[in-house]
Amino acid sequence: MLLYIHIPFCDSKCGYCAFASFVAPTSLHAPYFAALHRELDHRLAPHMRFSSLFVGGGTPNVVNESFYIPLLERLLPHLHNDCELSMELNPNHLTSHFITTIRALGFNRISLGAQSFCKQKLKWLMRKHEPQSIFTTCDNLYRAGFENLNVDVIYNTPFDSYDNLVFEAQNLAKLPLSHVSAYALSIEENSTFFAKGLSVANDGEELCMLLANLGFAQYEVSNYARNNQYCRHNLGYWQHKNYLGIGASAVSFCSQQRTRSTNAKTLQAYLANPLWQDVEILNAQDMRFEQLFLGLRCCYGAPKEQCSAQNLQITLQENFVRCENERVIANNFFLADSLALFLES
């Protein structure tokens, strides 16, 4: 089982961001963590054990590190001995004391929101850090003992000519990374970019090849790893595993009950009632299609029995997919959504 904890606080809102993140006074940090503990007391069962914990946001490091100490003490009995403990961080507002504190708490994987090494592109994305701070931060994290490091980058912006993608890859090669997450810019409805009427295309093939040349193998549409150092938490989502989401807008999934539950989406609503959830009941067809589109977007693949036999034969003949151990694996993860729709027919 997977555990996700959402920290919604940011010091500013990036132009592309449609996540539940809020620029809020620090006076709300303590009430929010109190609400997290209240929700954990309600949702954690004594038997629950988690193979991964992911603390995301928002920007978890805008919150003082002291808030994470009782949180991890509360969770420790529920974590497997080899649990992957990840935290999302941003280069700005990241102190050495924060880094050493979370390392001492047991966090062993960091996902750093870099997004770009191009100063003009960072400004356009409405990021608040400089390119040089990415290198300084990664060096500080590695020296503190974080050897499992991921960096997020965004492509598909007006700045991303082939030469600029080469520039991004060259800078990634200078860092001690085990993992890269490369996200195509999309214009989401609740983002600043959407309000400005921006639109983009979507082509990740060039960056995929550049990362492959650096030794990062693509194992999911947006994720690349060296030496099979996959993000176990995210891979669990794509494998359709059960997960518990804690915090504002967090989502939980239970395959046995066929339910997906979403917490209150605004900060104010969550603080008022951290136990409220909107529960969706999934039917058999929903479950089948989710296994298809989630599995086809990664190296795990989808169950062969969930596919239309006739359409599967067509995709095999056209070399869009391959079969391994009764699972269907896409040969091009960028085609996963289209393949899922076709194989479901």
C-alpha atoms as a PDB file:
ATOM      1  CA  MET A   1       0.000   0.000   0.000  1.00  0.00           C
ATOM      2  CA  LEU A   2       1.166   3.540  -0.770  1.00  0.00           C
ATOM      3  CA  LEU A   3       0.863   6.650   1.399  1.00  0.00           C
ATOM      4  CA  TYR A   4       0.749  10.188   0.022  1.00  0.00           C
ATOM      5  CA  ILE A   5       0.708  13.323   2.181  1.00  0.00           C
ATOM      6  CA  HIS A   6      -0.092  16.652   0.557  1.00  0.00           C
ATOM      7  CA  ILE A   7       1.515  19.894   1.729  1.00  0.00           C
ATOM      8  CA  PRO A   8      -0.335  22.629  -0.190  1.00  0.00           C
ATOM      9  CA  PHE A   9       1.749  25.674   0.720  1.00  0.00           C
ATOM     10  CA  CYS A  10       3.818  27.659  -1.788  1.00  0.00           C
ATOM     11  CA  ASP A  11       5.473  31.062  -1.710  1.00  0.00           C
ATOM     12  CA  SER A  12       4.138  31.802  -5.214  1.00  0.00           C
ATOM     13  CA  LYS A  13       2.025  30.169  -7.901  1.00  0.00           C
ATOM     14  CA  CYS A  14       3.740  29.006 -11.094  1.00  0.00           C
ATOM     15  CA  GLY A  15       1.989  29.793 -14.355  1.00  0.00           C
ATOM     16  CA  TYR A  16       1.410  26.161 -15.348  1.00  0.00           C
ATOM     17  CA  CYS A  17       0.291  24.919 -11.926  1.00  0.00           C
ATOM     18  CA  ALA A  18      -3.262  23.652 -11.502  1.00  0.00           C
ATOM     19  CA  PHE A  19      -2.552  21.594  -8.381  1.00  0.00           C
ATOM     20  CA  ALA A  20      -4.039  22.325  -4.982  1.00  0.00           C
ATOM     21  CA  SER A  21      -1.335  24.742  -3.874  1.00  0.00           C
ATOM     22  CA  PHE A  22      -1.900  27.997  -2.060  1.00  0.00           C
ATOM     23  CA  VAL A  23       0.046  31.097  -1.120  1.00  0.00           C
ATOM     24  CA  ALA A  24      -0.996  31.352   2.520  1.00  0.00           C
ATOM     25  CA  PRO A  25       0.344  32.886   5.746  1.00  0.00           C
ATOM     26  CA  THR A  26       2.675  30.763   7.843  1.00  0.00           C
ATOM     27  CA  SER A  27       0.148  31.036  10.679  1.00  0.00           C
ATOM     28  CA  LEU A  28      -1.860  28.344   8.845  1.00  0.00           C
ATOM     29  CA  HIS A  29       0.955  25.782   8.931  1.00  0.00           C
ATOM     30  CA  ALA A  30       0.312  24.614  12.496  1.00  0.00           C
ATOM     31  CA  PRO A  31      -3.489  24.252  12.025  1.00  0.00           C
ATOM     32  CA  TYR A  32      -2.888  22.364   8.790  1.00  0.00           C
ATOM     33  CA  PHE A  33      -0.538  19.841  10.373  1.00  0.00           C
ATOM     34  CA  ALA A  34      -2.984  19.437  13.241  1.00  0.00           C
ATOM     35  CA  ALA A  35      -5.633  18.592  10.620  1.00  0.00           C
ATOM     36  CA  LEU A  36      -3.241  16.065   9.022  1.00  0.00           C
ATOM     37  CA  HIS A  37      -2.815  14.320  12.369  1.00  0.00           C
ATOM     38  CA  ARG A  38      -6.575  14.309  12.907  1.00  0.00           C
ATOM     39  CA  GLU A  39      -7.107  12.704   9.507  1.00  0.00           C
ATOM     40  CA  LEU A  40      -4.366  10.138  10.132  1.00  0.00           C
ATOM     41  CA  ASP A  41      -5.953   9.207  13.465  1.00  0.00           C
ATOM     42  CA  HIS A  42      -9.221   8.599  11.602  1.00  0.00           C
ATOM     43  CA  ARG A  43      -7.963   6.781   8.482  1.00  0.00           C
ATOM     44  CA  LEU A  44      -4.948   4.779   9.656  1.00  0.00           C
ATOM     45  CA  ALA A  45      -5.874   1.247  10.675  1.00  0.00           C
ATOM     46  CA  PRO A  46      -3.506  -0.675  12.990  1.00  0.00           C
ATOM     47  CA  HIS A  47      -2.797  -3.285  10.315  1.00  0.00           C
ATOM     48  CA  MET A  48      -1.838  -0.800   7.580  1.00  0.00           C
ATOM     49  CA  ARG A  49       1.740  -1.039   6.318  1.00  0.00           C
ATOM     50  CA  PHE A  50       3.146   1.163   3.576  1.00  0.00           C
ATOM     51  CA  SER A  51       5.876   0.311   1.085  1.00  0.00           C
ATOM     52  CA  SER A  52       6.282   3.972   0.133  1.00  0.00           C
ATOM     53  CA  LEU A  53       5.608   7.412   1.570  1.00  0.00           C
ATOM     54  CA  PHE A  54       5.545  10.453  -0.683  1.00  0.00           C
ATOM     55  CA  VAL A  55       5.312  13.968   0.767  1.00  0.00           C
ATOM     56  CA  GLY A  56       4.356  16.277  -2.082  1.00  0.00           C
ATOM     57  CA  GLY A  57       2.892  19.668  -2.726  1.00  0.00           C
ATOM     58  CA  GLY A  58       2.852  22.495  -3.056  1.00  0.00           C
ATOM     59  CA  THR A  59       6.310  23.076  -1.694  1.00  0.00           C
ATOM     60  CA  PRO A  60       6.940  21.003   1.438  1.00  0.00           C
ATOM     61  CA  ASN A  61      10.116  22.923   2.292  1.00  0.00           C
ATOM     62  CA  VAL A  62       8.305  26.252   2.784  1.00  0.00           C
ATOM     63  CA  VAL A  63       7.099  24.673   6.038  1.00  0.00           C
ATOM     64  CA  ASN A  64       9.469  24.568   8.990  1.00  0.00           C
ATOM     65  CA  GLU A  65      11.170  21.197   9.325  1.00  0.00           C
ATOM     66  CA  SER A  66       9.983  20.851  12.935  1.00  0.00           C
ATOM     67  CA  PHE A  67       6.469  20.000  11.720  1.00  0.00           C
ATOM     68  CA  TYR A  68       7.741  16.807  10.079  1.00  0.00           C
ATOM     69  CA  ILE A  69       9.273  15.330  13.232  1.00  0.00           C
ATOM     70  CA  PRO A  70       5.993  14.360  15.004  1.00  0.00           C
ATOM     71  CA  LEU A  71       4.479  13.436  11.632  1.00  0.00           C
ATOM     72  CA  LEU A  72       7.185  10.836  10.942  1.00  0.00           C
ATOM     73  CA  GLU A  73       7.069   9.588  14.524  1.00  0.00           C
ATOM     74  CA  ARG A  74       3.338   9.005  14.040  1.00  0.00           C
ATOM     75  CA  LEU A  75       3.905   7.095  10.784  1.00  0.00           C
ATOM     76  CA  LEU A  76       6.980   5.062  11.631  1.00  0.00           C
ATOM     77  CA  PRO A  77       5.103   1.985  12.968  1.00  0.00           C
ATOM     78  CA  HIS A  78       3.226   1.789   9.653  1.00  0.00           C
ATOM     79  CA  LEU A  79       6.267   1.884   7.350  1.00  0.00           C
ATOM     80  CA  HIS A  80       8.046  -1.199   6.033  1.00  0.00           C
ATOM     81  CA  ASN A  81      11.730  -1.491   6.907  1.00  0.00           C
ATOM     82  CA  ASP A  82      12.721  -0.881   3.283  1.00  0.00           C
ATOM     83  CA  CYS A  83      10.119   1.843   2.741  1.00  0.00           C
ATOM     84  CA  GLU A  84      10.853   4.424   0.049  1.00  0.00           C
ATOM     85  CA  LEU A  85      10.432   7.843   1.705  1.00  0.00           C
ATOM     86  CA  SER A  86      10.258  10.626  -0.879  1.00  0.00           C
ATOM     87  CA  MET A  87       9.813  14.356  -0.522  1.00  0.00           C
ATOM     88  CA  GLU A  88       9.318  17.032  -3.155  1.00  0.00           C
ATOM     89  CA  LEU A  89      11.538  20.076  -2.703  1.00  0.00           C
ATOM     90  CA  ASN A  90      12.171  23.353  -4.487  1.00  0.00           C
ATOM     91  CA  PRO A  91      15.610  24.991  -4.663  1.00  0.00           C
ATOM     92  CA  ASN A  92      14.376  28.221  -3.090  1.00  0.00           C
ATOM     93  CA  HIS A  93      13.841  28.348   0.691  1.00  0.00           C
ATOM     94  CA  LEU A  94      15.744  25.087   1.173  1.00  0.00           C
ATOM     95  CA  THR A  95      18.107  25.344   4.146  1.00  0.00           C
ATOM     96  CA  SER A  96      20.876  22.980   5.193  1.00  0.00           C
ATOM     97  CA  HIS A  97      19.055  22.390   8.489  1.00  0.00           C
ATOM     98  CA  PHE A  98      15.917  21.303   6.623  1.00  0.00           C
ATOM     99  CA  ILE A  99      17.984  18.870   4.541  1.00  0.00           C
ATOM    100  CA  THR A 100      19.767  17.301   7.516  1.00  0.00           C
ATOM    101  CA  THR A 101      16.531  17.069   9.501  1.00  0.00           C
ATOM    102  CA  ILE A 102      14.568  15.153   6.868  1.00  0.00           C
ATOM    103  CA  ARG A 103      17.557  12.889   6.221  1.00  0.00           C
ATOM    104  CA  ALA A 104      17.705  12.066   9.929  1.00  0.00           C
ATOM    105  CA  LEU A 105      13.950  11.341   9.860  1.00  0.00           C
ATOM    106  CA  GLY A 106      14.556   8.596   7.292  1.00  0.00           C
ATOM    107  CA  PHE A 107      13.748  10.243   3.978  1.00  0.00           C
ATOM    108  CA  ASN A 108      15.845   8.508   1.323  1.00  0.00           C
ATOM    109  CA  ARG A 109      14.612   9.958  -1.964  1.00  0.00           C
ATOM    110  CA  ILE A 110      14.267  13.578  -3.115  1.00  0.00           C
ATOM    111  CA  SER A 111      12.373  14.958  -6.096  1.00  0.00           C
ATOM    112  CA  LEU A 112      13.643  18.454  -6.877  1.00  0.00           C
ATOM    113  CA  GLY A 113      11.452  20.856  -8.825  1.00  0.00           C
ATOM    114  CA  ALA A 114      14.062  22.384 -11.129  1.00  0.00           C
ATOM    115  CA  GLN A 115      11.956  22.614 -14.347  1.00  0.00           C
ATOM    116  CA  SER A 116      14.720  24.225 -16.440  1.00  0.00           C
ATOM    117  CA  PHE A 117      18.329  25.404 -16.553  1.00  0.00           C
ATOM    118  CA  CYS A 118      17.374  28.279 -18.879  1.00  0.00           C
ATOM    119  CA  LYS A 119      16.941  31.574 -17.023  1.00  0.00           C
ATOM    120  CA  GLN A 120      14.465  33.010 -19.510  1.00  0.00           C
ATOM    121  CA  LYS A 121      12.392  29.838 -19.488  1.00  0.00           C
ATOM    122  CA  LEU A 122      12.284  29.793 -15.674  1.00  0.00           C
ATOM    123  CA  LYS A 123      11.034  33.368 -15.689  1.00  0.00           C
ATOM    124  CA  TRP A 124       8.363  32.507 -18.287  1.00  0.00           C
ATOM    125  CA  LEU A 125       7.240  29.529 -16.180  1.00  0.00           C
ATOM    126  CA  MET A 126       7.010  31.955 -13.218  1.00  0.00           C
ATOM    127  CA  ARG A 127       9.607  30.067 -11.209  1.00  0.00           C
ATOM    128  CA  LYS A 128      11.419  31.935  -8.413  1.00  0.00           C
ATOM    129  CA  HIS A 129      14.857  30.307  -8.450  1.00  0.00           C
ATOM    130  CA  GLU A 130      17.986  30.749 -10.551  1.00  0.00           C
ATOM    131  CA  PRO A 131      19.617  27.981 -12.626  1.00  0.00           C
ATOM    132  CA  GLN A 132      22.720  27.951 -10.418  1.00  0.00           C
ATOM    133  CA  SER A 133      20.646  27.135  -7.331  1.00  0.00           C
ATOM    134  CA  ILE A 134      19.763  23.753  -8.894  1.00  0.00           C
ATOM    135  CA  PHE A 135      23.431  22.735  -8.865  1.00  0.00           C
ATOM    136  CA  THR A 136      24.011  24.065  -5.347  1.00  0.00           C
ATOM    137  CA  THR A 137      20.919  22.284  -4.015  1.00  0.00           C
ATOM    138  CA  CYS A 138      21.753  18.940  -5.628  1.00  0.00           C
ATOM    139  CA  ASP A 139      25.294  19.140  -4.276  1.00  0.00           C
ATOM    140  CA  ASN A 140      23.990  19.859  -0.752  1.00  0.00           C
ATOM    141  CA  LEU A 141      21.484  17.004  -0.962  1.00  0.00           C
ATOM    142  CA  TYR A 142      24.073  14.530  -2.208  1.00  0.00           C
ATOM    143  CA  ARG A 143      26.554  15.540   0.503  1.00  0.00           C
ATOM    144  CA  ALA A 144      23.812  14.990   3.098  1.00  0.00           C
ATOM    145  CA  GLY A 145      23.451  11.377   1.940  1.00  0.00           C
ATOM    146  CA  PHE A 146      20.648  11.597  -0.602  1.00  0.00           C
ATOM    147  CA  GLU A 147      21.947   9.400  -3.405  1.00  0.00           C
ATOM    148  CA  ASN A 148      18.483   8.732  -4.870  1.00  0.00           C
ATOM    149  CA  LEU A 149      17.878  12.114  -6.489  1.00  0.00           C
ATOM    150  CA  ASN A 150      15.289  13.057  -9.083  1.00  0.00           C
ATOM    151  CA  VAL A 151      15.014  16.346 -10.942  1.00  0.00           C
ATOM    152  CA  ASP A 152      11.807  17.521 -12.612  1.00  0.00           C
ATOM    153  CA  VAL A 153      12.075  19.319 -15.947  1.00  0.00           C
ATOM    154  CA  ILE A 154       9.377  20.785 -18.169  1.00  0.00           C
ATOM    155  CA  TYR A 155       9.515  20.779 -21.959  1.00  0.00           C
ATOM    156  CA  ASN A 156       7.132  21.787 -24.730  1.00  0.00           C
ATOM    157  CA  THR A 157       7.417  25.507 -23.986  1.00  0.00           C
ATOM    158  CA  PRO A 158       8.098  28.206 -26.613  1.00  0.00           C
ATOM    159  CA  PHE A 159      11.774  28.043 -25.577  1.00  0.00           C
ATOM    160  CA  ASP A 160      12.240  24.356 -26.372  1.00  0.00           C
ATOM    161  CA  SER A 161      14.011  24.226 -29.680  1.00  0.00           C
ATOM    162  CA  TYR A 162      16.155  21.160 -30.213  1.00  0.00           C
ATOM    163  CA  ASP A 163      19.241  23.156 -29.240  1.00  0.00           C
ATOM    164  CA  ASN A 164      17.619  24.194 -25.953  1.00  0.00           C
ATOM    165  CA  LEU A 165      16.640  20.591 -25.184  1.00  0.00           C
ATOM    166  CA  VAL A 166      20.297  19.651 -25.759  1.00  0.00           C
ATOM    167  CA  PHE A 167      21.235  22.431 -23.319  1.00  0.00           C
ATOM    168  CA  GLU A 168      18.827  21.013 -20.714  1.00  0.00           C
ATOM    169  CA  ALA A 169      20.247  17.501 -21.162  1.00  0.00           C
ATOM    170  CA  GLN A 170      23.839  18.736 -20.904  1.00  0.00           C
ATOM    171  CA  ASN A 171      23.057  20.341 -17.544  1.00  0.00           C
ATOM    172  CA  LEU A 172      21.257  17.246 -16.268  1.00  0.00           C
ATOM    173  CA  ALA A 173      24.404  15.283 -17.102  1.00  0.00           C
ATOM    174  CA  LYS A 174      26.379  17.432 -14.635  1.00  0.00           C
ATOM    175  CA  LEU A 175      24.242  16.371 -11.660  1.00  0.00           C
ATOM    176  CA  PRO A 176      24.472  13.193  -9.504  1.00  0.00           C
ATOM    177  CA  LEU A 177      21.003  11.991 -10.516  1.00  0.00           C
ATOM    178  CA  SER A 178      19.403   8.558 -10.431  1.00  0.00           C
ATOM    179  CA  HIS A 179      16.137   9.724 -12.004  1.00  0.00           C
ATOM    180  CA  VAL A 180      14.634  12.419 -14.217  1.00  0.00           C
ATOM    181  CA  SER A 181      10.955  13.314 -14.561  1.00  0.00           C
ATOM    182  CA  ALA A 182      10.302  15.167 -17.833  1.00  0.00           C
ATOM    183  CA  TYR A 183       6.823  16.624 -18.099  1.00  0.00           C
ATOM    184  CA  ALA A 184       5.297  18.046 -21.254  1.00  0.00           C
ATOM    185  CA  LEU A 185       3.789  21.433 -20.510  1.00  0.00           C
ATOM    186  CA  SER A 186       0.024  21.191 -20.547  1.00  0.00           C
ATOM    187  CA  ILE A 187      -2.390  24.065 -20.104  1.00  0.00           C
ATOM    188  CA  GLU A 188      -4.699  23.085 -17.267  1.00  0.00           C
ATOM    189  CA  GLU A 189      -8.010  24.825 -16.663  1.00  0.00           C
ATOM    190  CA  ASN A 190      -7.173  26.185 -13.213  1.00  0.00           C
ATOM    191  CA  SER A 191      -3.758  27.569 -14.160  1.00  0.00           C
ATOM    192  CA  THR A 192      -2.613  31.118 -14.908  1.00  0.00           C
ATOM    193  CA  PHE A 193      -1.534  30.003 -18.385  1.00  0.00           C
ATOM    194  CA  PHE A 194      -5.071  28.811 -19.126  1.00  0.00           C
ATOM    195  CA  ALA A 195      -6.454  32.185 -18.126  1.00  0.00           C
ATOM    196  CA  LYS A 196      -4.030  33.798 -20.596  1.00  0.00           C
ATOM    197  CA  GLY A 197      -5.323  31.578 -23.406  1.00  0.00           C
ATOM    198  CA  LEU A 198      -2.011  29.820 -24.078  1.00  0.00           C
ATOM    199  CA  SER A 199      -1.899  26.574 -26.050  1.00  0.00           C
ATOM    200  CA  VAL A 200       0.887  24.064 -26.731  1.00  0.00           C
ATOM    201  CA  ALA A 201       1.694  20.995 -28.795  1.00  0.00           C
ATOM    202  CA  ASN A 202       3.073  17.821 -27.250  1.00  0.00           C
ATOM    203  CA  ASP A 203       6.139  15.939 -28.485  1.00  0.00           C
ATOM    204  CA  GLY A 204       8.560  14.273 -26.099  1.00  0.00           C
ATOM    205  CA  GLU A 205      10.474  12.083 -28.540  1.00  0.00           C
ATOM    206  CA  GLU A 206      13.534  14.344 -28.870  1.00  0.00           C
ATOM    207  CA  LEU A 207      14.067  14.740 -25.132  1.00  0.00           C
ATOM    208  CA  CYS A 208      13.496  11.019 -24.657  1.00  0.00           C
ATOM    209  CA  MET A 209      16.383  10.271 -27.015  1.00  0.00           C
ATOM    210  CA  LEU A 210      18.655  12.819 -25.319  1.00  0.00           C
ATOM    211  CA  LEU A 211      17.991  11.300 -21.900  1.00  0.00           C
ATOM    212  CA  ALA A 212      18.597   7.807 -23.264  1.00  0.00           C
ATOM    213  CA  ASN A 213      22.035   8.983 -24.420  1.00  0.00           C
ATOM    214  CA  LEU A 214      22.746   9.959 -20.798  1.00  0.00           C
ATOM    215  CA  GLY A 215      21.812   6.488 -19.550  1.00  0.00           C
ATOM    216  CA  PHE A 216      18.285   7.303 -18.383  1.00  0.00           C
ATOM    217  CA  ALA A 217      15.898   4.588 -19.569  1.00  0.00           C
ATOM    218  CA  GLN A 218      12.268   5.579 -20.028  1.00  0.00           C
ATOM    219  CA  TYR A 219      10.048   3.381 -17.854  1.00  0.00           C
ATOM    220  CA  GLU A 220       6.912   5.553 -17.958  1.00  0.00           C
ATOM    221  CA  VAL A 221       5.610   8.350 -20.167  1.00  0.00           C
ATOM    222  CA  SER A 222       7.329  11.068 -18.122  1.00  0.00           C
ATOM    223  CA  ASN A 223       9.881   9.157 -16.043  1.00  0.00           C
ATOM    224  CA  TYR A 224      13.446   8.031 -16.701  1.00  0.00           C
ATOM    225  CA  ALA A 225      15.825   6.109 -14.432  1.00  0.00           C
ATOM    226  CA  ARG A 226      19.420   5.002 -14.323  1.00  0.00           C
ATOM    227  CA  ASN A 227      20.145   1.426 -13.264  1.00  0.00           C
ATOM    228  CA  ASN A 228      16.434   0.645 -12.759  1.00  0.00           C
ATOM    229  CA  GLN A 229      16.146   3.105  -9.864  1.00  0.00           C
ATOM    230  CA  TYR A 230      12.454   3.604 -10.475  1.00  0.00           C
ATOM    231  CA  CYS A 231      10.252   5.689  -8.211  1.00  0.00           C
ATOM    232  CA  ARG A 232       8.521   2.843  -6.379  1.00  0.00           C
ATOM    233  CA  HIS A 233       5.730   5.104  -5.197  1.00  0.00           C
ATOM    234  CA  ASN A 234       4.698   6.315  -8.639  1.00  0.00           C
ATOM    235  CA  LEU A 235       5.170   2.865 -10.135  1.00  0.00           C
ATOM    236  CA  GLY A 236       2.666   1.641  -7.545  1.00  0.00           C
ATOM    237  CA  TYR A 237       0.039   4.012  -8.963  1.00  0.00           C
ATOM    238  CA  TRP A 238       0.592   2.652 -12.455  1.00  0.00           C
ATOM    239  CA  GLN A 239       0.367  -0.891 -11.112  1.00  0.00           C
ATOM    240  CA  HIS A 240      -3.090   0.001  -9.755  1.00  0.00           C
ATOM    241  CA  LYS A 241      -2.059  -0.590  -6.136  1.00  0.00           C
ATOM    242  CA  ASN A 242      -4.090   0.690  -3.213  1.00  0.00           C
ATOM    243  CA  TYR A 243      -3.089   4.081  -1.852  1.00  0.00           C
ATOM    244  CA  LEU A 244      -4.063   6.378   0.984  1.00  0.00           C
ATOM    245  CA  GLY A 245      -3.998  10.133   0.404  1.00  0.00           C
ATOM    246  CA  ILE A 246      -3.832  12.504   3.369  1.00  0.00           C
ATOM    247  CA  GLY A 247      -4.281  16.266   3.166  1.00  0.00           C
ATOM    248  CA  ALA A 248      -6.179  18.846   1.151  1.00  0.00           C
ATOM    249  CA  SER A 249      -7.291  17.476  -2.251  1.00  0.00           C
ATOM    250  CA  ALA A 250      -5.506  14.160  -1.614  1.00  0.00           C
ATOM    251  CA  VAL A 251      -6.965  11.067  -3.286  1.00  0.00           C
ATOM    252  CA  SER A 252      -7.277   7.501  -1.955  1.00  0.00           C
ATOM    253  CA  PHE A 253      -7.974   4.305  -3.889  1.00  0.00           C
ATOM    254  CA  CYS A 254      -9.195   0.912  -2.674  1.00  0.00           C
ATOM    255  CA  SER A 255      -9.408  -1.814  -5.307  1.00  0.00           C
ATOM    256  CA  GLN A 256     -11.294  -4.224  -3.034  1.00  0.00           C
ATOM    257  CA  GLN A 257     -14.108  -1.738  -2.483  1.00  0.00           C
ATOM    258  CA  ARG A 258     -13.764  -0.207  -5.954  1.00  0.00           C
ATOM    259  CA  THR A 259     -13.692   3.300  -4.507  1.00  0.00           C
ATOM    260  CA  ARG A 260     -11.755   6.484  -5.180  1.00  0.00           C
ATOM    261  CA  SER A 261     -12.076   9.106  -2.469  1.00  0.00           C
ATOM    262  CA  THR A 262     -11.069  12.774  -2.709  1.00  0.00           C
ATOM    263  CA  ASN A 263     -10.548  15.070   0.253  1.00  0.00           C
ATOM    264  CA  ALA A 264     -11.774  18.668   0.439  1.00  0.00           C
ATOM    265  CA  LYS A 265      -9.963  20.593  -2.279  1.00  0.00           C
ATOM    266  CA  THR A 266      -9.536  24.033  -0.743  1.00  0.00           C
ATOM    267  CA  LEU A 267      -7.366  24.845   2.232  1.00  0.00           C
ATOM    268  CA  GLN A 268     -10.249  26.412   4.126  1.00  0.00           C
ATOM    269  CA  ALA A 269     -12.587  23.459   3.549  1.00  0.00           C
ATOM    270  CA  TYR A 270      -9.949  20.938   4.603  1.00  0.00           C
ATOM    271  CA  LEU A 271      -9.117  22.829   7.781  1.00  0.00           C
ATOM    272  CA  ALA A 272     -12.823  23.004   8.597  1.00  0.00           C
ATOM    273  CA  ASN A 273     -13.303  19.244   8.126  1.00  0.00           C
ATOM    274  CA  PRO A 274     -10.280  17.071   7.315  1.00  0.00           C
ATOM    275  CA  LEU A 275     -12.464  13.943   7.436  1.00  0.00           C
ATOM    276  CA  TRP A 276     -14.793  14.946   4.582  1.00  0.00           C
ATOM    277  CA  GLN A 277     -14.460  12.957   1.348  1.00  0.00           C
ATOM    278  CA  ASP A 278     -16.161  12.752  -2.010  1.00  0.00           C
ATOM    279  CA  VAL A 279     -16.413   9.019  -2.741  1.00  0.00           C
ATOM    280  CA  GLU A 280     -16.656   7.657  -6.292  1.00  0.00           C
ATOM    281  CA  ILE A 281     -17.779   4.067  -6.857  1.00  0.00           C
ATOM    282  CA  LEU A 282     -15.980   2.427  -9.775  1.00  0.00           C
ATOM    283  CA  ASN A 283     -17.700  -0.260 -11.818  1.00  0.00           C
ATOM    284  CA  ALA A 284     -15.986  -3.247 -13.414  1.00  0.00           C
ATOM    285  CA  GLN A 285     -15.512  -1.412 -16.715  1.00  0.00           C
ATOM    286  CA  ASP A 286     -13.871   1.543 -14.933  1.00  0.00           C
ATOM    287  CA  MET A 287     -11.467  -0.790 -13.170  1.00  0.00           C
ATOM    288  CA  ARG A 288     -10.621  -2.622 -16.387  1.00  0.00           C
ATOM    289  CA  PHE A 289      -9.894   0.556 -18.329  1.00  0.00           C
ATOM    290  CA  GLU A 290      -7.767   1.997 -15.526  1.00  0.00           C
ATOM    291  CA  GLN A 291      -5.617  -1.121 -15.520  1.00  0.00           C
ATOM    292  CA  LEU A 292      -5.208  -0.714 -19.279  1.00  0.00           C
ATOM    293  CA  PHE A 293      -4.268   2.943 -19.507  1.00  0.00           C
ATOM    294  CA  LEU A 294      -2.148   2.982 -16.346  1.00  0.00           C
ATOM    295  CA  GLY A 295      -0.292  -0.202 -17.262  1.00  0.00           C
ATOM    296  CA  LEU A 296       0.311   0.756 -20.893  1.00  0.00           C
ATOM    297  CA  ARG A 297       1.965   4.037 -19.929  1.00  0.00           C
ATOM    298  CA  CYS A 298       4.807   2.236 -18.128  1.00  0.00           C
ATOM    299  CA  CYS A 299       7.111  -0.766 -18.275  1.00  0.00           C
ATOM    300  CA  TYR A 300       4.740  -2.775 -16.063  1.00  0.00           C
ATOM    301  CA  GLY A 301       2.231  -3.231 -18.873  1.00  0.00           C
ATOM    302  CA  ALA A 302      -1.446  -4.176 -18.785  1.00  0.00           C
ATOM    303  CA  PRO A 303      -3.062  -7.579 -18.169  1.00  0.00           C
ATOM    304  CA  LYS A 304      -3.463  -9.445 -21.438  1.00  0.00           C
ATOM    305  CA  GLU A 305      -6.912 -10.730 -20.432  1.00  0.00           C
ATOM    306  CA  GLN A 306      -8.181  -7.151 -20.178  1.00  0.00           C
ATOM    307  CA  CYS A 307      -7.525  -6.504 -23.868  1.00  0.00           C
ATOM    308  CA  SER A 308      -9.736  -7.121 -26.863  1.00  0.00           C
ATOM    309  CA  ALA A 309      -8.220 -10.251 -28.450  1.00  0.00           C
ATOM    310  CA  GLN A 310      -8.867  -9.020 -31.988  1.00  0.00           C
ATOM    311  CA  ASN A 311      -7.426  -5.552 -31.434  1.00  0.00           C
ATOM    312  CA  LEU A 312      -4.493  -6.929 -29.486  1.00  0.00           C
ATOM    313  CA  GLN A 313      -3.570  -9.047 -32.491  1.00  0.00           C
ATOM    314  CA  ILE A 314      -3.627  -5.926 -34.688  1.00  0.00           C
ATOM    315  CA  THR A 315      -1.366  -3.946 -32.366  1.00  0.00           C
ATOM    316  CA  LEU A 316       1.033  -6.885 -32.105  1.00  0.00           C
ATOM    317  CA  GLN A 317       1.240  -7.200 -35.883  1.00  0.00           C
ATOM    318  CA  GLU A 318       1.843  -3.449 -36.239  1.00  0.00           C
ATOM    319  CA  ASN A 319       4.542  -3.601 -33.527  1.00  0.00           C
ATOM    320  CA  PHE A 320       2.792  -1.085 -31.268  1.00  0.00           C
ATOM    321  CA  VAL A 321       2.943  -3.504 -28.340  1.00  0.00           C
ATOM    322  CA  ARG A 322       4.613  -6.720 -27.218  1.00  0.00           C
ATOM    323  CA  CYS A 323       3.548  -9.455 -24.810  1.00  0.00           C
ATOM    324  CA  GLU A 324       5.678 -10.586 -21.855  1.00  0.00           C
ATOM    325  CA  ASN A 325       4.451 -12.933 -19.122  1.00  0.00           C
ATOM    326  CA  GLU A 326       0.794 -12.422 -20.038  1.00  0.00           C
ATOM    327  CA  ARG A 327       1.146  -8.645 -19.917  1.00  0.00           C
ATOM    328  CA  VAL A 328       0.876  -6.233 -22.836  1.00  0.00           C
ATOM    329  CA  ILE A 329       3.637  -3.602 -22.950  1.00  0.00           C
ATOM    330  CA  ALA A 330       3.562  -0.543 -25.192  1.00  0.00           C
ATOM    331  CA  ASN A 331       6.602  -0.089 -27.405  1.00  0.00           C
ATOM    332  CA  ASN A 332       6.019   3.669 -27.285  1.00  0.00           C
ATOM    333  CA  PHE A 333       4.670   4.954 -23.985  1.00  0.00           C
ATOM    334  CA  PHE A 334       3.623   8.232 -25.624  1.00  0.00           C
ATOM    335  CA  LEU A 335       0.904   6.254 -27.438  1.00  0.00           C
ATOM    336  CA  ALA A 336      -0.449   4.718 -24.232  1.00  0.00           C
ATOM    337  CA  ASP A 337      -3.759   6.596 -24.119  1.00  0.00           C
ATOM    338  CA  SER A 338      -4.644   5.802 -27.739  1.00  0.00           C
ATOM    339  CA  LEU A 339      -3.624   2.176 -27.302  1.00  0.00           C
ATOM    340  CA  ALA A 340      -5.758   1.813 -24.178  1.00  0.00           C
ATOM    341  CA  LEU A 341      -8.833   3.102 -25.988  1.00  0.00           C
ATOM    342  CA  PHE A 342      -8.186   0.758 -28.914  1.00  0.00           C
ATOM    343  CA  LEU A 343      -7.463  -2.321 -26.823  1.00  0.00           C
ATOM    344  CA  GLU A 344     -10.515  -1.757 -24.664  1.00  0.00           C
ATOM    345  CA  SER A 345     -12.853  -1.973 -27.672  1.00  0.00           C
END
